[in-house]
Amino acid sequence: ERDWKLVEDPTLSRGGCRVETESSRIDATVEQRLHAVLARFLGGERQGDPDETAPLPGGQGDE
């Protein structure tokens, strides 16, 4: 089994969650979920929307 740890991230809004492993990343932050709903409702990506493939701020997950 691999070790894991739960780390508080003060940059996440209440109700948000982000899971990272060496091979995958799940972004269930409130902002990302809202973005997905709006994109679907408005018919796709809008110019100026954040890049979902951009690295995390502060190099989080490198511990």
PDB file of N, CA and C in Angstrom:
ATOM      1  N   GLU A   1       0.829  -1.189   0.000  1.00  0.00           N
ATOM      2  CA  GLU A   1       0.000   0.000   0.000  1.00  0.00           C
ATOM      3  C   GLU A   1       0.870   1.248   0.000  1.00  0.00           C
ATOM      4  N   ARG A   2       0.336   2.278  -0.596  1.00  0.00           N
ATOM      5  CA  ARG A   2       1.040   3.556  -0.598  1.00  0.00           C
ATOM      6  C   ARG A   2       0.533   4.423   0.542  1.00  0.00           C
ATOM      7  N   ASP A   3       1.429   5.222   1.066  1.00  0.00           N
ATOM      8  CA  ASP A   3       1.042   6.168   2.107  1.00  0.00           C
ATOM      9  C   ASP A   3       0.304   7.336   1.477  1.00  0.00           C
ATOM     10  N   TRP A   4      -0.607   7.927   2.218  1.00  0.00           N
ATOM     11  CA  TRP A   4      -1.311   9.118   1.770  1.00  0.00           C
ATOM     12  C   TRP A   4      -1.490  10.030   2.962  1.00  0.00           C
ATOM     13  N   LYS A   5      -1.771  11.285   2.671  1.00  0.00           N
ATOM     14  CA  LYS A   5      -2.024  12.226   3.750  1.00  0.00           C
ATOM     15  C   LYS A   5      -3.044  13.255   3.296  1.00  0.00           C
ATOM     16  N   LEU A   6      -3.785  13.746   4.253  1.00  0.00           N
ATOM     17  CA  LEU A   6      -4.781  14.781   4.033  1.00  0.00           C
ATOM     18  C   LEU A   6      -4.144  16.103   4.424  1.00  0.00           C
ATOM     19  N   VAL A   7      -4.140  17.060   3.483  1.00  0.00           N
ATOM     20  CA  VAL A   7      -3.477  18.335   3.724  1.00  0.00           C
ATOM     21  C   VAL A   7      -4.483  19.461   3.544  1.00  0.00           C
ATOM     22  N   GLU A   8      -4.608  20.299   4.562  1.00  0.00           N
ATOM     23  CA  GLU A   8      -5.485  21.462   4.469  1.00  0.00           C
ATOM     24  C   GLU A   8      -4.877  22.457   3.488  1.00  0.00           C
ATOM     25  N   ASP A   9      -5.724  23.028   2.635  1.00  0.00           N
ATOM     26  CA  ASP A   9      -5.268  24.024   1.669  1.00  0.00           C
ATOM     27  C   ASP A   9      -6.108  25.280   1.854  1.00  0.00           C
ATOM     28  N   PRO A  10      -5.558  26.312   2.485  1.00  0.00           N
ATOM     29  CA  PRO A  10      -6.338  27.522   2.751  1.00  0.00           C
ATOM     30  C   PRO A  10      -6.741  28.281   1.489  1.00  0.00           C
ATOM     31  N   THR A  11      -6.185  27.916   0.321  1.00  0.00           N
ATOM     32  CA  THR A  11      -6.566  28.599  -0.915  1.00  0.00           C
ATOM     33  C   THR A  11      -7.852  28.040  -1.513  1.00  0.00           C
ATOM     34  N   LEU A  12      -8.327  26.885  -1.020  1.00  0.00           N
ATOM     35  CA  LEU A  12      -9.568  26.301  -1.530  1.00  0.00           C
ATOM     36  C   LEU A  12     -10.763  26.915  -0.821  1.00  0.00           C
ATOM     37  N   SER A  13     -11.820  27.167  -1.578  1.00  0.00           N
ATOM     38  CA  SER A  13     -13.063  27.665  -0.990  1.00  0.00           C
ATOM     39  C   SER A  13     -13.731  26.551  -0.202  1.00  0.00           C
ATOM     40  N   ARG A  14     -14.542  26.935   0.764  1.00  0.00           N
ATOM     41  CA  ARG A  14     -15.275  25.959   1.570  1.00  0.00           C
ATOM     42  C   ARG A  14     -16.104  25.061   0.650  1.00  0.00           C
ATOM     43  N   GLY A  15     -16.018  23.753   0.861  1.00  0.00           N
ATOM     44  CA  GLY A  15     -16.757  22.796   0.043  1.00  0.00           C
ATOM     45  C   GLY A  15     -15.960  22.270  -1.136  1.00  0.00           C
ATOM     46  N   GLY A  16     -14.774  22.823  -1.361  1.00  0.00           N
ATOM     47  CA  GLY A  16     -13.947  22.390  -2.480  1.00  0.00           C
ATOM     48  C   GLY A  16     -13.029  21.246  -2.096  1.00  0.00           C
ATOM     49  N   CYS A  17     -12.564  20.531  -3.103  1.00  0.00           N
ATOM     50  CA  CYS A  17     -11.665  19.402  -2.884  1.00  0.00           C
ATOM     51  C   CYS A  17     -10.766  19.254  -4.103  1.00  0.00           C
ATOM     52  N   ARG A  18      -9.509  18.935  -3.858  1.00  0.00           N
ATOM     53  CA  ARG A  18      -8.566  18.664  -4.940  1.00  0.00           C
ATOM     54  C   ARG A  18      -7.777  17.431  -4.530  1.00  0.00           C
ATOM     55  N   VAL A  19      -7.696  16.449  -5.428  1.00  0.00           N
ATOM     56  CA  VAL A  19      -6.965  15.212  -5.166  1.00  0.00           C
ATOM     57  C   VAL A  19      -5.874  15.096  -6.218  1.00  0.00           C
ATOM     58  N   GLU A  20      -4.649  14.852  -5.760  1.00  0.00           N
ATOM     59  CA  GLU A  20      -3.525  14.736  -6.685  1.00  0.00           C
ATOM     60  C   GLU A  20      -2.722  13.483  -6.371  1.00  0.00           C
ATOM     61  N   THR A  21      -2.329  12.787  -7.429  1.00  0.00           N
ATOM     62  CA  THR A  21      -1.417  11.657  -7.311  1.00  0.00           C
ATOM     63  C   THR A  21      -0.315  11.864  -8.341  1.00  0.00           C
ATOM     64  N   GLU A  22       0.624  10.942  -8.389  1.00  0.00           N
ATOM     65  CA  GLU A  22       1.690  11.052  -9.384  1.00  0.00           C
ATOM     66  C   GLU A  22       1.147  10.948 -10.801  1.00  0.00           C
ATOM     67  N   SER A  23       0.025  10.246 -10.984  1.00  0.00           N
ATOM     68  CA  SER A  23      -0.476   9.996 -12.333  1.00  0.00           C
ATOM     69  C   SER A  23      -1.794  10.682 -12.673  1.00  0.00           C
ATOM     70  N   SER A  24      -2.430  11.351 -11.712  1.00  0.00           N
ATOM     71  CA  SER A  24      -3.708  11.990 -12.030  1.00  0.00           C
ATOM     72  C   SER A  24      -3.999  13.154 -11.095  1.00  0.00           C
ATOM     73  N   ARG A  25      -5.002  13.923 -11.500  1.00  0.00           N
ATOM     74  CA  ARG A  25      -5.421  15.086 -10.725  1.00  0.00           C
ATOM     75  C   ARG A  25      -6.927  15.240 -10.875  1.00  0.00           C
ATOM     76  N   ILE A  26      -7.628  15.415  -9.767  1.00  0.00           N
ATOM     77  CA  ILE A  26      -9.067  15.657  -9.776  1.00  0.00           C
ATOM     78  C   ILE A  26      -9.302  17.009  -9.127  1.00  0.00           C
ATOM     79  N   ASP A  27      -9.932  17.912  -9.865  1.00  0.00           N
ATOM     80  CA  ASP A  27     -10.221  19.244  -9.358  1.00  0.00           C
ATOM     81  C   ASP A  27     -11.721  19.354  -9.132  1.00  0.00           C
ATOM     82  N   ALA A  28     -12.141  19.238  -7.875  1.00  0.00           N
ATOM     83  CA  ALA A  28     -13.554  19.358  -7.520  1.00  0.00           C
ATOM     84  C   ALA A  28     -13.764  20.609  -6.675  1.00  0.00           C
ATOM     85  N   THR A  29     -13.014  21.668  -7.015  1.00  0.00           N
ATOM     86  CA  THR A  29     -13.200  22.928  -6.305  1.00  0.00           C
ATOM     87  C   THR A  29     -14.551  23.515  -6.688  1.00  0.00           C
ATOM     88  N   VAL A  30     -15.082  24.345  -5.823  1.00  0.00           N
ATOM     89  CA  VAL A  30     -16.362  24.996  -6.096  1.00  0.00           C
ATOM     90  C   VAL A  30     -16.270  25.785  -7.398  1.00  0.00           C
ATOM     91  N   GLU A  31     -15.154  26.485  -7.578  1.00  0.00           N
ATOM     92  CA  GLU A  31     -14.981  27.300  -8.781  1.00  0.00           C
ATOM     93  C   GLU A  31     -14.967  26.443 -10.047  1.00  0.00           C
ATOM     94  N   GLN A  32     -14.291  25.299 -10.010  1.00  0.00           N
ATOM     95  CA  GLN A  32     -14.211  24.436 -11.186  1.00  0.00           C
ATOM     96  C   GLN A  32     -15.566  23.812 -11.501  1.00  0.00           C
ATOM     97  N   ARG A  33     -16.292  23.410 -10.463  1.00  0.00           N
ATOM     98  CA  ARG A  33     -17.624  22.834 -10.692  1.00  0.00           C
ATOM     99  C   ARG A  33     -18.564  23.881 -11.270  1.00  0.00           C
ATOM    100  N   LEU A  34     -18.500  25.121 -10.762  1.00  0.00           N
ATOM    101  CA  LEU A  34     -19.326  26.200 -11.297  1.00  0.00           C
ATOM    102  C   LEU A  34     -18.939  26.496 -12.747  1.00  0.00           C
ATOM    103  N   HIS A  35     -17.647  26.515 -13.029  1.00  0.00           N
ATOM    104  CA  HIS A  35     -17.157  26.737 -14.394  1.00  0.00           C
ATOM    105  C   HIS A  35     -17.723  25.678 -15.345  1.00  0.00           C
ATOM    106  N   ALA A  36     -17.719  24.408 -14.926  1.00  0.00           N
ATOM    107  CA  ALA A  36     -18.228  23.324 -15.772  1.00  0.00           C
ATOM    108  C   ALA A  36     -19.722  23.490 -16.044  1.00  0.00           C
ATOM    109  N   VAL A  37     -20.486  23.874 -15.030  1.00  0.00           N
ATOM    110  CA  VAL A  37     -21.929  24.079 -15.206  1.00  0.00           C
ATOM    111  C   VAL A  37     -22.186  25.237 -16.164  1.00  0.00           C
ATOM    112  N   LEU A  38     -21.478  26.355 -15.958  1.00  0.00           N
ATOM    113  CA  LEU A  38     -21.671  27.514 -16.831  1.00  0.00           C
ATOM    114  C   LEU A  38     -21.236  27.225 -18.264  1.00  0.00           C
ATOM    115  N   ALA A  39     -20.128  26.507 -18.433  1.00  0.00           N
ATOM    116  CA  ALA A  39     -19.662  26.174 -19.779  1.00  0.00           C
ATOM    117  C   ALA A  39     -20.699  25.324 -20.504  1.00  0.00           C
ATOM    118  N   ARG A  40     -21.282  24.377 -19.797  1.00  0.00           N
ATOM    119  CA  ARG A  40     -22.305  23.528 -20.424  1.00  0.00           C
ATOM    120  C   ARG A  40     -23.553  24.347 -20.744  1.00  0.00           C
ATOM    121  N   PHE A  41     -23.965  25.192 -19.810  1.00  0.00           N
ATOM    122  CA  PHE A  41     -25.162  26.010 -19.988  1.00  0.00           C
ATOM    123  C   PHE A  41     -24.977  27.029 -21.112  1.00  0.00           C
ATOM    124  N   LEU A  42     -23.792  27.638 -21.187  1.00  0.00           N
ATOM    125  CA  LEU A  42     -23.529  28.681 -22.180  1.00  0.00           C
ATOM    126  C   LEU A  42     -23.015  28.122 -23.502  1.00  0.00           C
ATOM    127  N   GLY A  43     -22.798  26.818 -23.577  1.00  0.00           N
ATOM    128  CA  GLY A  43     -22.420  26.206 -24.841  1.00  0.00           C
ATOM    129  C   GLY A  43     -20.934  26.089 -25.082  1.00  0.00           C
ATOM    130  N   GLY A  44     -20.136  25.935 -24.059  1.00  0.00           N
ATOM    131  CA  GLY A  44     -18.716  25.685 -24.260  1.00  0.00           C
ATOM    132  C   GLY A  44     -17.829  26.702 -23.592  1.00  0.00           C
ATOM    133  N   GLU A  45     -16.556  26.597 -23.895  1.00  0.00           N
ATOM    134  CA  GLU A  45     -15.546  27.469 -23.303  1.00  0.00           C
ATOM    135  C   GLU A  45     -15.723  28.897 -23.799  1.00  0.00           C
ATOM    136  N   ARG A  46     -15.386  29.827 -22.926  1.00  0.00           N
ATOM    137  CA  ARG A  46     -15.433  31.237 -23.281  1.00  0.00           C
ATOM    138  C   ARG A  46     -14.018  31.785 -23.303  1.00  0.00           C
ATOM    139  N   GLN A  47     -13.781  32.778 -24.129  1.00  0.00           N
ATOM    140  CA  GLN A  47     -12.464  33.402 -24.182  1.00  0.00           C
ATOM    141  C   GLN A  47     -12.151  34.001 -22.819  1.00  0.00           C
ATOM    142  N   GLY A  48     -10.926  33.787 -22.334  1.00  0.00           N
ATOM    143  CA  GLY A  48     -10.518  34.328 -21.049  1.00  0.00           C
ATOM    144  C   GLY A  48     -10.746  33.390 -19.886  1.00  0.00           C
ATOM    145  N   ASP A  49     -11.359  32.215 -20.129  1.00  0.00           N
ATOM    146  CA  ASP A  49     -11.533  31.248 -19.051  1.00  0.00           C
ATOM    147  C   ASP A  49     -10.173  30.701 -18.645  1.00  0.00           C
ATOM    148  N   PRO A  50     -10.002  30.327 -17.367  1.00  0.00           N
ATOM    149  CA  PRO A  50      -8.703  29.809 -16.921  1.00  0.00           C
ATOM    150  C   PRO A  50      -8.346  28.508 -17.624  1.00  0.00           C
ATOM    151  N   ASP A  51      -7.057  28.306 -17.822  1.00  0.00           N
ATOM    152  CA  ASP A  51      -6.547  27.093 -18.453  1.00  0.00           C
ATOM    153  C   ASP A  51      -6.535  25.978 -17.421  1.00  0.00           C
ATOM    154  N   GLU A  52      -7.323  24.922 -17.647  1.00  0.00           N
ATOM    155  CA  GLU A  52      -7.429  23.830 -16.684  1.00  0.00           C
ATOM    156  C   GLU A  52      -6.151  23.011 -16.594  1.00  0.00           C
ATOM    157  N   THR A  53      -5.254  23.142 -17.572  1.00  0.00           N
ATOM    158  CA  THR A  53      -4.019  22.369 -17.548  1.00  0.00           C
ATOM    159  C   THR A  53      -2.869  23.148 -16.924  1.00  0.00           C
ATOM    160  N   ALA A  54      -3.131  24.379 -16.491  1.00  0.00           N
ATOM    161  CA  ALA A  54      -2.079  25.202 -15.894  1.00  0.00           C
ATOM    162  C   ALA A  54      -1.629  24.592 -14.570  1.00  0.00           C
ATOM    163  N   PRO A  55      -0.354  24.756 -14.209  1.00  0.00           N
ATOM    164  CA  PRO A  55       0.133  24.216 -12.935  1.00  0.00           C
ATOM    165  C   PRO A  55      -0.551  24.892 -11.754  1.00  0.00           C
ATOM    166  N   LEU A  56      -0.583  24.194 -10.635  1.00  0.00           N
ATOM    167  CA  LEU A  56      -1.207  24.731  -9.438  1.00  0.00           C
ATOM    168  C   LEU A  56      -0.366  25.861  -8.867  1.00  0.00           C
ATOM    169  N   PRO A  57      -1.006  26.881  -8.280  1.00  0.00           N
ATOM    170  CA  PRO A  57      -0.247  27.976  -7.693  1.00  0.00           C
ATOM    171  C   PRO A  57       0.585  27.494  -6.509  1.00  0.00           C
ATOM    172  N   GLY A  58       1.784  28.015  -6.383  1.00  0.00           N
ATOM    173  CA  GLY A  58       2.640  27.696  -5.247  1.00  0.00           C
ATOM    174  C   GLY A  58       3.250  26.316  -5.280  1.00  0.00           C
ATOM    175  N   GLY A  59       3.129  25.600  -6.401  1.00  0.00           N
ATOM    176  CA  GLY A  59       3.724  24.272  -6.504  1.00  0.00           C
ATOM    177  C   GLY A  59       3.120  23.265  -5.551  1.00  0.00           C
ATOM    178  N   GLN A  60       1.842  23.393  -5.244  1.00  0.00           N
ATOM    179  CA  GLN A  60       1.187  22.499  -4.302  1.00  0.00           C
ATOM    180  C   GLN A  60       1.224  21.077  -4.820  1.00  0.00           C
ATOM    181  N   GLY A  61       1.306  20.138  -3.895  1.00  0.00           N
ATOM    182  CA  GLY A  61       1.327  18.736  -4.258  1.00  0.00           C
ATOM    183  C   GLY A  61       2.726  18.200  -4.467  1.00  0.00           C
ATOM    184  N   ASP A  62       3.751  19.029  -4.255  1.00  0.00           N
ATOM    185  CA  ASP A  62       5.131  18.606  -4.460  1.00  0.00           C
ATOM    186  C   ASP A  62       5.784  18.135  -3.175  1.00  0.00           C
ATOM    187  N   GLU A  63       5.011  17.838  -2.152  1.00  0.00           N
ATOM    188  CA  GLU A  63       5.581  17.468  -0.856  1.00  0.00           C
ATOM    189  C   GLU A  63       6.012  16.030  -0.842  1.00  0.00           C
TER     190      GLU A  63
END
